[in-house]
Amino acid sequence: MSWDQQTTLDRLAPARFTTPLGREIAIDYDGEYPAINVRLQEMFGVTDHPCVGISRLPLRVTLLSPAQRPVQTTLDLPGFWATSYAEVRKDMRGQYPRHPWPEDPTEAEPTLRAKPRGT
């Protein structure tokens, strides 16, 4: 495959999604929608739903708990922040008190860290 063909393929169907923290996550193209699994806190601050390709096909985003367990799957991240996040936040704050759970995730900084002990 030539460099031009690879560049075109990467634009149409990229192999990886880059998170706000710069981590690259493999995109799974096996389902109805291309999909990624990413920790919920790593998507803080994201106000536009991640899409791929020229046609801007939305990624199916499976948001994970700090323990890497699925918490929510969405094709509308801004809608999740505005609706379901409050309930998820309530549940996750009890299970993972050392992790940040801001009231407004669209204004929060993305993170993979827990709060230091004693805070």
N, C-alpha and C. Protein backbone atom coordinates (compact mmCIF):
# COMPACT_ATOMS: atom_id res chain seq x y z
N MET A 1 0.85 -1.17 0.00
CA MET A 1 0.00 0.00 0.00
C MET A 1 0.90 1.23 0.00
N SER A 2 0.55 2.17 -0.85
CA SER A 2 1.35 3.39 -0.94
C SER A 2 1.05 4.31 0.23
N TRP A 3 1.92 5.30 0.42
CA TRP A 3 1.74 6.27 1.51
C TRP A 3 0.43 7.02 1.34
N ASP A 4 0.08 7.42 0.10
CA ASP A 4 -1.17 8.13 -0.17
C ASP A 4 -2.38 7.27 0.17
N GLN A 5 -2.33 5.99 -0.18
CA GLN A 5 -3.43 5.09 0.13
C GLN A 5 -3.59 4.93 1.64
N GLN A 6 -2.47 4.79 2.36
CA GLN A 6 -2.53 4.63 3.82
C GLN A 6 -3.08 5.90 4.47
N THR A 7 -2.67 7.06 4.00
CA THR A 7 -3.17 8.32 4.54
C THR A 7 -4.68 8.44 4.32
N THR A 8 -5.15 8.06 3.15
CA THR A 8 -6.58 8.09 2.85
C THR A 8 -7.32 7.11 3.75
N LEU A 9 -6.80 5.92 3.90
CA LEU A 9 -7.42 4.91 4.77
C LEU A 9 -7.48 5.41 6.21
N ASP A 10 -6.42 6.03 6.70
CA ASP A 10 -6.40 6.56 8.06
C ASP A 10 -7.44 7.66 8.26
N ARG A 11 -7.69 8.46 7.23
CA ARG A 11 -8.72 9.50 7.33
C ARG A 11 -10.12 8.89 7.32
N LEU A 12 -10.32 7.86 6.50
CA LEU A 12 -11.64 7.24 6.38
C LEU A 12 -11.97 6.33 7.56
N ALA A 13 -10.97 5.58 8.01
CA ALA A 13 -11.19 4.62 9.09
C ALA A 13 -9.93 4.53 9.95
N PRO A 14 -9.72 5.51 10.82
CA PRO A 14 -8.51 5.49 11.64
C PRO A 14 -8.49 4.27 12.56
N ALA A 15 -7.32 3.75 12.82
CA ALA A 15 -7.17 2.58 13.68
C ALA A 15 -7.28 2.94 15.15
N ARG A 16 -7.00 4.21 15.48
CA ARG A 16 -6.96 4.60 16.89
C ARG A 16 -7.67 5.94 17.11
N PHE A 17 -8.21 6.07 18.33
CA PHE A 17 -8.80 7.32 18.80
C PHE A 17 -7.84 7.89 19.84
N THR A 18 -7.54 9.18 19.73
CA THR A 18 -6.65 9.82 20.70
C THR A 18 -7.50 10.53 21.74
N THR A 19 -7.32 10.16 23.01
CA THR A 19 -8.10 10.75 24.10
C THR A 19 -7.59 12.15 24.41
N PRO A 20 -8.34 12.93 25.20
CA PRO A 20 -7.86 14.26 25.58
C PRO A 20 -6.51 14.24 26.31
N LEU A 21 -6.16 13.11 26.91
CA LEU A 21 -4.87 13.00 27.60
C LEU A 21 -3.75 12.51 26.68
N GLY A 22 -4.10 12.28 25.40
CA GLY A 22 -3.09 11.86 24.43
C GLY A 22 -2.91 10.36 24.31
N ARG A 23 -3.65 9.58 25.08
CA ARG A 23 -3.55 8.12 24.95
C ARG A 23 -4.26 7.69 23.68
N GLU A 24 -3.71 6.69 23.01
CA GLU A 24 -4.34 6.16 21.81
C GLU A 24 -5.05 4.86 22.14
N ILE A 25 -6.33 4.79 21.75
CA ILE A 25 -7.16 3.63 22.03
C ILE A 25 -7.59 3.02 20.70
N ALA A 26 -7.46 1.71 20.58
CA ALA A 26 -7.86 1.03 19.35
C ALA A 26 -9.36 1.17 19.11
N ILE A 27 -9.72 1.41 17.86
CA ILE A 27 -11.11 1.49 17.46
C ILE A 27 -11.53 0.13 16.91
N ASP A 28 -12.63 -0.42 17.43
CA ASP A 28 -13.16 -1.70 16.99
C ASP A 28 -14.23 -1.44 15.94
N TYR A 29 -14.02 -1.97 14.73
CA TYR A 29 -14.96 -1.75 13.63
C TYR A 29 -15.88 -2.95 13.40
N ASP A 30 -15.94 -3.90 14.32
CA ASP A 30 -16.71 -5.12 14.09
C ASP A 30 -18.22 -4.96 14.25
N GLY A 31 -18.69 -3.97 14.98
CA GLY A 31 -20.13 -3.82 15.24
C GLY A 31 -20.82 -2.89 14.25
N GLU A 32 -22.04 -2.51 14.60
CA GLU A 32 -22.83 -1.60 13.78
C GLU A 32 -22.16 -0.23 13.69
N TYR A 33 -21.56 0.20 14.80
CA TYR A 33 -20.81 1.45 14.86
C TYR A 33 -19.37 1.15 15.28
N PRO A 34 -18.41 1.94 14.81
CA PRO A 34 -17.06 1.78 15.36
C PRO A 34 -17.11 2.09 16.85
N ALA A 35 -16.29 1.39 17.64
CA ALA A 35 -16.42 1.49 19.09
C ALA A 35 -15.07 1.64 19.79
N ILE A 36 -15.13 2.34 20.94
CA ILE A 36 -13.97 2.44 21.83
C ILE A 36 -14.45 2.21 23.26
N ASN A 37 -13.53 1.78 24.10
CA ASN A 37 -13.74 1.67 25.54
C ASN A 37 -12.74 2.60 26.20
N VAL A 38 -13.24 3.51 27.06
CA VAL A 38 -12.37 4.51 27.66
C VAL A 38 -12.87 4.84 29.06
N ARG A 39 -11.93 5.11 29.97
CA ARG A 39 -12.34 5.49 31.32
C ARG A 39 -13.12 6.79 31.30
N LEU A 40 -14.20 6.82 32.05
CA LEU A 40 -15.10 7.97 32.08
C LEU A 40 -14.34 9.26 32.39
N GLN A 41 -13.48 9.25 33.40
CA GLN A 41 -12.76 10.46 33.79
C GLN A 41 -11.84 10.99 32.69
N GLU A 42 -11.42 10.11 31.80
CA GLU A 42 -10.53 10.53 30.71
C GLU A 42 -11.28 11.34 29.65
N MET A 43 -12.61 11.29 29.69
CA MET A 43 -13.41 12.04 28.72
C MET A 43 -13.97 13.34 29.30
N PHE A 44 -13.64 13.65 30.56
CA PHE A 44 -14.06 14.93 31.13
C PHE A 44 -13.61 16.06 30.19
N GLY A 45 -14.45 17.06 30.06
CA GLY A 45 -14.12 18.21 29.22
C GLY A 45 -14.50 18.05 27.77
N VAL A 46 -14.85 16.84 27.33
CA VAL A 46 -15.22 16.61 25.94
C VAL A 46 -16.68 17.02 25.75
N THR A 47 -16.92 17.97 24.87
CA THR A 47 -18.27 18.48 24.65
C THR A 47 -18.85 18.10 23.29
N ASP A 48 -18.04 17.54 22.42
CA ASP A 48 -18.50 17.04 21.12
C ASP A 48 -18.30 15.54 21.10
N HIS A 49 -19.29 14.82 20.59
CA HIS A 49 -19.16 13.36 20.55
C HIS A 49 -18.06 12.97 19.56
N PRO A 50 -17.20 12.01 19.92
CA PRO A 50 -16.14 11.57 19.02
C PRO A 50 -16.72 10.89 17.77
N CYS A 51 -16.18 11.24 16.62
CA CYS A 51 -16.62 10.69 15.34
C CYS A 51 -15.40 10.29 14.53
N VAL A 52 -15.62 9.47 13.50
CA VAL A 52 -14.53 9.07 12.62
C VAL A 52 -14.95 9.23 11.17
N GLY A 53 -13.97 9.38 10.32
CA GLY A 53 -14.19 9.41 8.89
C GLY A 53 -14.76 10.71 8.38
N ILE A 54 -14.81 10.80 7.08
CA ILE A 54 -15.31 11.99 6.40
C ILE A 54 -16.79 12.17 6.69
N SER A 55 -17.53 11.06 6.83
CA SER A 55 -18.97 11.15 7.09
C SER A 55 -19.28 11.41 8.56
N ARG A 56 -18.24 11.54 9.39
CA ARG A 56 -18.40 11.85 10.82
C ARG A 56 -19.29 10.81 11.52
N LEU A 57 -19.01 9.53 11.29
CA LEU A 57 -19.73 8.44 11.93
C LEU A 57 -19.42 8.44 13.42
N PRO A 58 -20.45 8.48 14.28
CA PRO A 58 -20.17 8.53 15.72
C PRO A 58 -19.56 7.23 16.23
N LEU A 59 -18.64 7.36 17.16
CA LEU A 59 -18.09 6.18 17.83
C LEU A 59 -19.05 5.74 18.92
N ARG A 60 -19.20 4.45 19.08
CA ARG A 60 -19.94 3.92 20.24
C ARG A 60 -18.92 3.94 21.39
N VAL A 61 -19.17 4.81 22.36
CA VAL A 61 -18.24 5.00 23.46
C VAL A 61 -18.75 4.24 24.68
N THR A 62 -17.97 3.26 25.11
CA THR A 62 -18.27 2.57 26.36
C THR A 62 -17.41 3.22 27.42
N LEU A 63 -18.07 3.89 28.35
CA LEU A 63 -17.37 4.58 29.44
C LEU A 63 -17.14 3.59 30.57
N LEU A 64 -15.91 3.56 31.05
CA LEU A 64 -15.51 2.58 32.06
C LEU A 64 -15.31 3.22 33.42
N SER A 65 -15.54 2.44 34.46
CA SER A 65 -15.27 2.87 35.84
C SER A 65 -13.76 2.87 36.06
N PRO A 66 -13.30 3.38 37.20
CA PRO A 66 -11.87 3.29 37.50
C PRO A 66 -11.34 1.85 37.53
N ALA A 67 -12.24 0.88 37.74
CA ALA A 67 -11.85 -0.53 37.75
C ALA A 67 -11.96 -1.16 36.35
N GLN A 68 -12.15 -0.32 35.32
CA GLN A 68 -12.24 -0.75 33.93
C GLN A 68 -13.50 -1.56 33.63
N ARG A 69 -14.56 -1.36 34.41
CA ARG A 69 -15.84 -2.02 34.17
C ARG A 69 -16.78 -1.06 33.43
N PRO A 70 -17.57 -1.57 32.48
CA PRO A 70 -18.49 -0.70 31.75
C PRO A 70 -19.51 -0.04 32.68
N VAL A 71 -19.69 1.26 32.51
CA VAL A 71 -20.63 2.05 33.31
C VAL A 71 -21.79 2.51 32.42
N GLN A 72 -21.46 2.92 31.20
CA GLN A 72 -22.46 3.46 30.27
C GLN A 72 -21.92 3.33 28.85
N THR A 73 -22.80 3.05 27.90
CA THR A 73 -22.44 3.05 26.49
C THR A 73 -23.31 4.12 25.82
N THR A 74 -22.67 4.94 24.98
CA THR A 74 -23.41 6.05 24.39
C THR A 74 -22.93 6.36 22.97
N LEU A 75 -23.85 6.88 22.19
CA LEU A 75 -23.55 7.46 20.88
C LEU A 75 -23.73 8.97 20.94
N ASP A 76 -23.95 9.49 22.15
CA ASP A 76 -24.22 10.92 22.37
C ASP A 76 -23.59 11.35 23.69
N LEU A 77 -22.30 11.61 23.70
CA LEU A 77 -21.60 11.99 24.93
C LEU A 77 -22.16 13.27 25.55
N PRO A 78 -22.41 14.34 24.77
CA PRO A 78 -23.00 15.53 25.39
C PRO A 78 -24.36 15.23 26.04
N GLY A 79 -25.15 14.38 25.41
CA GLY A 79 -26.44 13.99 25.99
C GLY A 79 -26.25 13.21 27.29
N PHE A 80 -25.24 12.34 27.33
CA PHE A 80 -24.95 11.59 28.55
C PHE A 80 -24.57 12.55 29.67
N TRP A 81 -23.68 13.51 29.38
CA TRP A 81 -23.28 14.47 30.41
C TRP A 81 -24.50 15.22 30.95
N ALA A 82 -25.43 15.58 30.06
CA ALA A 82 -26.58 16.39 30.46
C ALA A 82 -27.67 15.59 31.18
N THR A 83 -27.70 14.28 31.00
CA THR A 83 -28.80 13.50 31.58
C THR A 83 -28.32 12.41 32.54
N SER A 84 -27.82 11.33 32.02
CA SER A 84 -27.50 10.14 32.82
C SER A 84 -26.30 10.30 33.75
N TYR A 85 -25.39 11.22 33.44
CA TYR A 85 -24.18 11.35 34.24
C TYR A 85 -24.47 11.58 35.71
N ALA A 86 -25.47 12.36 36.04
CA ALA A 86 -25.77 12.66 37.45
C ALA A 86 -26.03 11.38 38.25
N GLU A 87 -26.75 10.45 37.67
CA GLU A 87 -27.04 9.18 38.35
C GLU A 87 -25.78 8.32 38.43
N VAL A 88 -25.02 8.26 37.34
CA VAL A 88 -23.76 7.50 37.33
C VAL A 88 -22.81 8.10 38.37
N ARG A 89 -22.73 9.42 38.42
CA ARG A 89 -21.87 10.11 39.39
C ARG A 89 -22.23 9.71 40.81
N LYS A 90 -23.53 9.69 41.11
CA LYS A 90 -23.98 9.33 42.45
C LYS A 90 -23.52 7.91 42.82
N ASP A 91 -23.69 6.98 41.90
CA ASP A 91 -23.28 5.59 42.16
C ASP A 91 -21.75 5.46 42.27
N MET A 92 -21.04 6.12 41.36
CA MET A 92 -19.58 5.98 41.32
C MET A 92 -18.90 6.67 42.51
N ARG A 93 -19.47 7.77 42.98
CA ARG A 93 -18.87 8.46 44.14
C ARG A 93 -18.84 7.55 45.35
N GLY A 94 -19.86 6.73 45.51
CA GLY A 94 -19.89 5.79 46.63
C GLY A 94 -18.91 4.65 46.46
N GLN A 95 -18.76 4.17 45.24
CA GLN A 95 -17.86 3.04 44.97
C GLN A 95 -16.40 3.47 44.86
N TYR A 96 -16.17 4.66 44.34
CA TYR A 96 -14.80 5.13 44.09
C TYR A 96 -14.63 6.54 44.65
N PRO A 97 -14.64 6.68 45.97
CA PRO A 97 -14.58 8.03 46.58
C PRO A 97 -13.27 8.77 46.34
N ARG A 98 -12.21 8.07 46.01
CA ARG A 98 -10.92 8.73 45.81
C ARG A 98 -10.76 9.28 44.39
N HIS A 99 -11.74 9.05 43.54
CA HIS A 99 -11.67 9.52 42.16
C HIS A 99 -12.55 10.75 41.99
N PRO A 100 -12.18 11.65 41.09
CA PRO A 100 -12.99 12.86 40.90
C PRO A 100 -14.31 12.56 40.20
N TRP A 101 -15.37 13.17 40.67
CA TRP A 101 -16.71 13.06 40.09
C TRP A 101 -17.34 14.45 40.10
N PRO A 102 -16.88 15.35 39.24
CA PRO A 102 -17.37 16.73 39.26
C PRO A 102 -18.85 16.82 38.89
N GLU A 103 -19.49 17.85 39.40
CA GLU A 103 -20.89 18.08 39.05
C GLU A 103 -21.04 18.40 37.56
N ASP A 104 -20.11 19.18 37.01
CA ASP A 104 -20.16 19.51 35.60
C ASP A 104 -18.94 18.91 34.89
N PRO A 105 -19.08 17.71 34.32
CA PRO A 105 -17.94 17.05 33.69
C PRO A 105 -17.46 17.76 32.43
N THR A 106 -18.28 18.61 31.84
CA THR A 106 -17.86 19.32 30.63
C THR A 106 -16.83 20.41 30.93
N GLU A 107 -16.77 20.84 32.19
CA GLU A 107 -15.82 21.87 32.61
C GLU A 107 -14.61 21.28 33.34
N ALA A 108 -14.62 19.98 33.59
CA ALA A 108 -13.54 19.34 34.36
C ALA A 108 -12.38 18.95 33.46
N GLU A 109 -11.21 18.87 34.05
CA GLU A 109 -10.02 18.41 33.34
C GLU A 109 -10.04 16.89 33.27
N PRO A 110 -9.70 16.30 32.11
CA PRO A 110 -9.62 14.84 32.03
C PRO A 110 -8.49 14.34 32.92
N THR A 111 -8.66 13.14 33.46
CA THR A 111 -7.65 12.59 34.36
C THR A 111 -7.72 11.07 34.38
N LEU A 112 -6.64 10.46 34.78
CA LEU A 112 -6.60 9.02 35.07
C LEU A 112 -6.18 8.80 36.52
N ARG A 113 -6.04 9.85 37.28
CA ARG A 113 -5.53 9.76 38.64
C ARG A 113 -6.64 9.81 39.69
N ALA A 114 -6.34 9.19 40.80
CA ALA A 114 -7.22 9.29 41.97
C ALA A 114 -6.71 10.43 42.81
N LYS A 115 -7.54 10.91 43.72
CA LYS A 115 -7.12 11.96 44.66
C LYS A 115 -6.11 11.34 45.63
N PRO A 116 -5.15 12.15 46.10
CA PRO A 116 -4.21 11.63 47.09
C PRO A 116 -4.96 11.22 48.36
N ARG A 117 -4.44 10.25 49.06
CA ARG A 117 -5.05 9.80 50.31
C ARG A 117 -5.18 10.96 51.28
N GLY A 118 -6.31 10.98 52.01
CA GLY A 118 -6.53 12.00 53.01
C GLY A 118 -7.13 13.29 52.48
N THR A 119 -7.50 13.32 51.18
CA THR A 119 -8.14 14.54 50.64
C THR A 119 -9.57 14.28 50.27
